[in-house]
Amino acid sequence: MSEFSRALSVTASGLKAQAARLRHVSENISNADTPGYRRKTVPFESVRELQTDVEHVRTGRVTLDRSDLEEIYDPSHPLANESGHYEGSNVDLMIEIADAREAQRSYEANLKMFEQTRSMSSSLMELLRR
């Protein structure tokens, strides 16, 4: 496997991982007002391929945030208990927006590296053709 192929496969794995992270962040944001919803988090894992000896990144198992759910007072809500409270979600929109920005920037950095590697490969091919 050439160094260009290795670099492209590493950046592609980073793109996939950040895309998965963005998907879970968007799910969290869209369910911020859903009663009983728990925030999803996705860890990254480093994986070494034995055949190529290249280390890739991939997403781990999705976990639910076990922090306390917000107690909301609304006696008219259908899920309210005798005291008029029900459990909201544990999604903090500020954290989700920060996570989305970080994932977006990481995605853009991986995409830039992918484009740079492809450009270098094309330039090398041009030089070899001469």
Protein backbone atom coordinates (compact mmCIF):
# COMPACT_ATOMS: atom_id res chain seq x y z
CA MET A 1 0.00 0.00 0.00
CA SER A 2 1.46 3.36 -1.00
CA GLU A 3 1.87 6.21 1.46
CA PHE A 4 -0.81 8.13 -0.45
CA SER A 5 -3.27 5.28 -0.05
CA ARG A 6 -2.48 5.04 3.65
CA ALA A 7 -3.00 8.75 4.17
CA LEU A 8 -6.28 8.65 2.24
CA SER A 9 -7.57 5.70 4.26
CA VAL A 10 -6.69 7.39 7.56
CA THR A 11 -8.40 10.64 6.60
CA ALA A 12 -11.41 8.73 5.27
CA SER A 13 -11.77 6.96 8.61
CA GLY A 14 -11.63 10.35 10.35
CA LEU A 15 -14.32 11.69 8.03
CA LYS A 16 -16.59 8.72 8.80
CA ALA A 17 -16.05 9.05 12.55
CA GLN A 18 -16.80 12.78 12.60
CA ALA A 19 -19.87 12.28 10.40
CA ALA A 20 -21.19 9.73 12.91
CA ARG A 21 -20.49 12.14 15.75
CA LEU A 22 -22.38 14.92 13.95
CA ARG A 23 -25.31 12.56 13.40
CA HIS A 24 -25.57 11.83 17.13
CA VAL A 25 -25.19 15.49 18.05
CA SER A 26 -28.03 16.39 15.67
CA GLU A 27 -30.19 13.65 17.22
CA ASN A 28 -29.50 15.12 20.65
CA ILE A 29 -30.41 18.62 19.50
CA SER A 30 -33.61 17.48 17.82
CA ASN A 31 -34.68 15.60 20.97
CA ALA A 32 -33.75 18.30 23.49
CA ASP A 33 -37.42 18.85 24.33
CA THR A 34 -38.43 15.18 24.32
CA PRO A 35 -39.44 14.05 27.83
CA GLY A 36 -37.21 11.29 29.18
CA TYR A 37 -34.62 11.57 26.38
CA ARG A 38 -31.04 10.85 27.39
CA ARG A 39 -28.14 12.45 25.56
CA LYS A 40 -26.16 10.09 23.30
CA THR A 41 -22.38 10.16 23.27
CA VAL A 42 -20.05 8.36 20.91
CA PRO A 43 -16.40 7.66 21.78
CA PHE A 44 -13.61 7.27 19.25
CA GLU A 45 -11.32 4.26 19.16
CA SER A 46 -7.97 3.78 17.48
CA VAL A 47 -7.72 0.58 15.44
CA ARG A 48 -4.56 -0.78 13.82
CA GLU A 49 -4.94 -2.87 10.67
CA LEU A 50 -2.52 -5.78 10.79
CA GLN A 51 -2.18 -6.16 7.00
CA THR A 52 -1.22 -2.55 6.34
CA ASP A 53 0.05 -1.51 9.78
CA VAL A 54 -2.05 1.65 9.54
CA GLU A 55 -3.95 3.08 12.46
CA HIS A 56 -7.51 4.24 11.80
CA VAL A 57 -10.11 5.92 13.94
CA ARG A 58 -13.61 4.55 14.34
CA THR A 59 -16.57 5.19 16.55
CA GLY A 60 -17.14 3.05 19.58
CA ARG A 61 -20.40 1.90 21.06
CA VAL A 62 -22.99 4.66 21.53
CA THR A 63 -23.68 5.32 25.20
CA LEU A 64 -26.42 7.21 26.96
CA ASP A 65 -25.55 10.01 29.35
CA ARG A 66 -26.69 8.84 32.80
CA SER A 67 -26.79 12.29 34.39
CA ASP A 68 -30.05 13.28 36.04
CA LEU A 69 -32.96 14.27 33.84
CA GLU A 70 -34.32 17.76 34.28
CA GLU A 71 -37.40 17.97 36.51
CA ILE A 72 -40.00 20.19 34.87
CA TYR A 73 -43.05 21.57 36.65
CA ASP A 74 -46.13 21.56 34.43
CA PRO A 75 -49.25 20.09 36.02
CA SER A 76 -51.09 20.20 32.68
CA HIS A 77 -48.55 17.95 30.94
CA PRO A 78 -49.84 14.40 30.26
CA LEU A 79 -46.68 12.84 31.80
CA ALA A 80 -46.83 14.93 34.98
CA ASN A 81 -46.99 13.03 38.26
CA GLU A 82 -49.15 13.89 41.30
CA SER A 83 -46.90 16.80 42.23
CA GLY A 84 -47.09 18.25 38.68
CA HIS A 85 -43.53 17.34 37.66
CA TYR A 86 -42.24 15.27 34.76
CA GLU A 87 -38.75 14.33 33.58
CA GLY A 88 -37.39 16.32 30.68
CA SER A 89 -34.18 15.51 28.81
CA ASN A 90 -30.59 15.88 29.96
CA VAL A 91 -29.50 17.58 26.72
CA ASP A 92 -27.67 20.89 27.18
CA LEU A 93 -27.90 22.80 23.91
CA MET A 94 -24.72 24.79 24.58
CA ILE A 95 -22.71 21.56 24.94
CA GLU A 96 -24.29 20.11 21.81
CA ILE A 97 -23.53 23.23 19.78
CA ALA A 98 -19.92 23.18 20.99
CA ASP A 99 -19.65 19.46 20.13
CA ALA A 100 -21.14 20.12 16.70
CA ARG A 101 -18.62 22.88 16.02
CA GLU A 102 -15.72 20.72 17.15
CA ALA A 103 -16.89 17.82 14.97
CA GLN A 104 -17.40 20.16 12.02
CA ARG A 105 -13.90 21.60 12.35
CA SER A 106 -12.37 18.13 12.68
CA TYR A 107 -14.34 17.01 9.62
CA GLU A 108 -13.08 20.01 7.66
CA ALA A 109 -9.48 19.32 8.72
CA ASN A 110 -9.77 15.68 7.59
CA LEU A 111 -11.32 16.79 4.31
CA LYS A 112 -8.51 19.29 3.75
CA MET A 113 -5.94 16.56 4.41
CA PHE A 114 -7.77 14.26 1.99
CA GLU A 115 -7.75 16.94 -0.71
CA GLN A 116 -4.07 17.76 -0.07
CA THR A 117 -3.06 14.09 -0.33
CA ARG A 118 -5.03 13.68 -3.54
CA SER A 119 -3.44 16.81 -4.97
CA MET A 120 0.06 15.59 -4.08
CA SER A 121 -0.69 12.24 -5.70
CA SER A 122 -1.89 13.95 -8.88
CA SER A 123 1.20 16.16 -8.97
CA LEU A 124 3.46 13.12 -8.57
CA MET A 125 1.67 11.39 -11.46
CA GLU A 126 2.19 14.46 -13.63
CA LEU A 127 5.89 14.47 -12.82
CA LEU A 128 6.21 10.77 -13.62
CA ARG A 129 4.51 11.22 -16.99
CA ARG A 130 7.16 13.69 -18.17
